[in-house]
Amino acid sequence: MCSDAIVRRFAGTFVLVSLALGWFVNPLWFLFTAFVGANLVQSSITGFCPLERILGRVGLFGCRPSPEAKAGS
């Protein structure tokens, strides 16, 4: 499990970076912004957050694997 602040920090960073890339590099980067937004909505409804699972498996930022992730491995 990860702190909500870590997940929000990653999401905010991804949105800002993809907006900058969409503006300065290629407008197709705005699709990544939409993906992050859709994932945030999905996560708020289902409680499943892919980023939290990835950070838990890697062990970054003090995140630990959830019990469901250990059972599935």
C-alpha atoms as a PDB file:
ATOM      1  CA  MET A   1       0.000   0.000   0.000  1.00  0.00           C
ATOM      2  CA  CYS A   2       1.123   3.527  -0.754  1.00  0.00           C
ATOM      3  CA  SER A   3       0.318   6.867   0.723  1.00  0.00           C
ATOM      4  CA  ASP A   4      -2.398   8.730  -1.185  1.00  0.00           C
ATOM      5  CA  ALA A   5      -0.027  11.712  -1.355  1.00  0.00           C
ATOM      6  CA  ILE A   6       2.497   9.664  -3.361  1.00  0.00           C
ATOM      7  CA  VAL A   7      -0.130   8.500  -5.854  1.00  0.00           C
ATOM      8  CA  ARG A   8      -1.511  12.048  -6.248  1.00  0.00           C
ATOM      9  CA  ARG A   9       2.023  13.405  -6.696  1.00  0.00           C
ATOM     10  CA  PHE A  10       2.727  10.915  -9.490  1.00  0.00           C
ATOM     11  CA  ALA A  11      -0.626  11.619 -11.171  1.00  0.00           C
ATOM     12  CA  GLY A  12      -0.092  15.373 -11.021  1.00  0.00           C
ATOM     13  CA  THR A  13       3.426  15.050 -12.400  1.00  0.00           C
ATOM     14  CA  PHE A  14       2.238  12.806 -15.237  1.00  0.00           C
ATOM     15  CA  VAL A  15      -0.520  15.280 -16.142  1.00  0.00           C
ATOM     16  CA  LEU A  16       1.791  18.309 -16.133  1.00  0.00           C
ATOM     17  CA  VAL A  17       4.542  16.554 -18.092  1.00  0.00           C
ATOM     18  CA  SER A  18       2.125  15.184 -20.686  1.00  0.00           C
ATOM     19  CA  LEU A  19       0.505  18.607 -21.089  1.00  0.00           C
ATOM     20  CA  ALA A  20       3.913  20.181 -21.692  1.00  0.00           C
ATOM     21  CA  LEU A  21       4.841  17.436 -24.164  1.00  0.00           C
ATOM     22  CA  GLY A  22       1.510  17.873 -25.939  1.00  0.00           C
ATOM     23  CA  TRP A  23       2.020  21.610 -26.226  1.00  0.00           C
ATOM     24  CA  PHE A  24       5.709  21.667 -27.187  1.00  0.00           C
ATOM     25  CA  VAL A  25       6.379  18.296 -28.875  1.00  0.00           C
ATOM     26  CA  ASN A  26       3.327  16.578 -30.349  1.00  0.00           C
ATOM     27  CA  PRO A  27      -0.423  16.933 -29.650  1.00  0.00           C
ATOM     28  CA  LEU A  28      -0.754  13.139 -29.431  1.00  0.00           C
ATOM     29  CA  TRP A  29       0.717  13.427 -25.906  1.00  0.00           C
ATOM     30  CA  PHE A  30      -2.673  14.801 -24.839  1.00  0.00           C
ATOM     31  CA  LEU A  31      -3.925  11.213 -25.151  1.00  0.00           C
ATOM     32  CA  PHE A  32      -1.634  10.310 -22.252  1.00  0.00           C
ATOM     33  CA  THR A  33      -3.205  13.126 -20.235  1.00  0.00           C
ATOM     34  CA  ALA A  34      -6.632  11.661 -20.984  1.00  0.00           C
ATOM     35  CA  PHE A  35      -5.396   8.191 -19.987  1.00  0.00           C
ATOM     36  CA  VAL A  36      -4.177   9.466 -16.616  1.00  0.00           C
ATOM     37  CA  GLY A  37      -7.496  11.246 -16.015  1.00  0.00           C
ATOM     38  CA  ALA A  38      -9.505   8.161 -16.951  1.00  0.00           C
ATOM     39  CA  ASN A  39      -7.346   6.042 -14.666  1.00  0.00           C
ATOM     40  CA  LEU A  40      -7.954   8.436 -11.772  1.00  0.00           C
ATOM     41  CA  VAL A  41     -11.719   8.213 -12.302  1.00  0.00           C
ATOM     42  CA  GLN A  42     -11.540   4.405 -12.579  1.00  0.00           C
ATOM     43  CA  SER A  43      -9.461   4.216  -9.409  1.00  0.00           C
ATOM     44  CA  SER A  44     -11.893   6.371  -7.448  1.00  0.00           C
ATOM     45  CA  ILE A  45     -14.776   4.070  -8.442  1.00  0.00           C
ATOM     46  CA  THR A  46     -13.152   0.643  -8.112  1.00  0.00           C
ATOM     47  CA  GLY A  47     -10.421   1.253  -5.544  1.00  0.00           C
ATOM     48  CA  PHE A  48      -7.875  -0.446  -7.848  1.00  0.00           C
ATOM     49  CA  CYS A  49      -4.817   1.659  -8.675  1.00  0.00           C
ATOM     50  CA  PRO A  50      -2.250   0.202 -11.100  1.00  0.00           C
ATOM     51  CA  LEU A  51       0.432   2.695 -10.011  1.00  0.00           C
ATOM     52  CA  GLU A  52       0.040   1.635  -6.392  1.00  0.00           C
ATOM     53  CA  ARG A  53       0.480  -2.013  -7.364  1.00  0.00           C
ATOM     54  CA  ILE A  54       3.581  -1.240  -9.479  1.00  0.00           C
ATOM     55  CA  LEU A  55       5.227   0.837  -6.738  1.00  0.00           C
ATOM     56  CA  GLY A  56       4.403  -1.869  -4.196  1.00  0.00           C
ATOM     57  CA  ARG A  57       6.044  -4.608  -6.245  1.00  0.00           C
ATOM     58  CA  VAL A  58       9.141  -2.499  -6.865  1.00  0.00           C
ATOM     59  CA  GLY A  59       9.211  -1.273  -3.254  1.00  0.00           C
ATOM     60  CA  LEU A  60       9.750   2.395  -4.046  1.00  0.00           C
ATOM     61  CA  PHE A  61       8.837   5.296  -1.745  1.00  0.00           C
ATOM     62  CA  GLY A  62       8.032   2.994   1.170  1.00  0.00           C
ATOM     63  CA  CYS A  63       5.204   1.260  -0.714  1.00  0.00           C
ATOM     64  CA  ARG A  64       4.483  -2.358   0.166  1.00  0.00           C
ATOM     65  CA  PRO A  65       2.712  -4.977  -1.948  1.00  0.00           C
ATOM     66  CA  SER A  66      -0.935  -5.383  -1.059  1.00  0.00           C
ATOM     67  CA  PRO A  67      -2.036  -8.807   0.248  1.00  0.00           C
ATOM     68  CA  GLU A  68      -3.973  -9.383  -3.009  1.00  0.00           C
ATOM     69  CA  ALA A  69      -0.812  -8.829  -5.045  1.00  0.00           C
ATOM     70  CA  LYS A  70       1.118 -11.390  -2.964  1.00  0.00           C
ATOM     71  CA  ALA A  71      -1.633 -13.967  -3.364  1.00  0.00           C
ATOM     72  CA  GLY A  72      -1.648 -13.494  -7.139  1.00  0.00           C
ATOM     73  CA  SER A  73       2.117 -13.829  -7.575  1.00  0.00           C
END
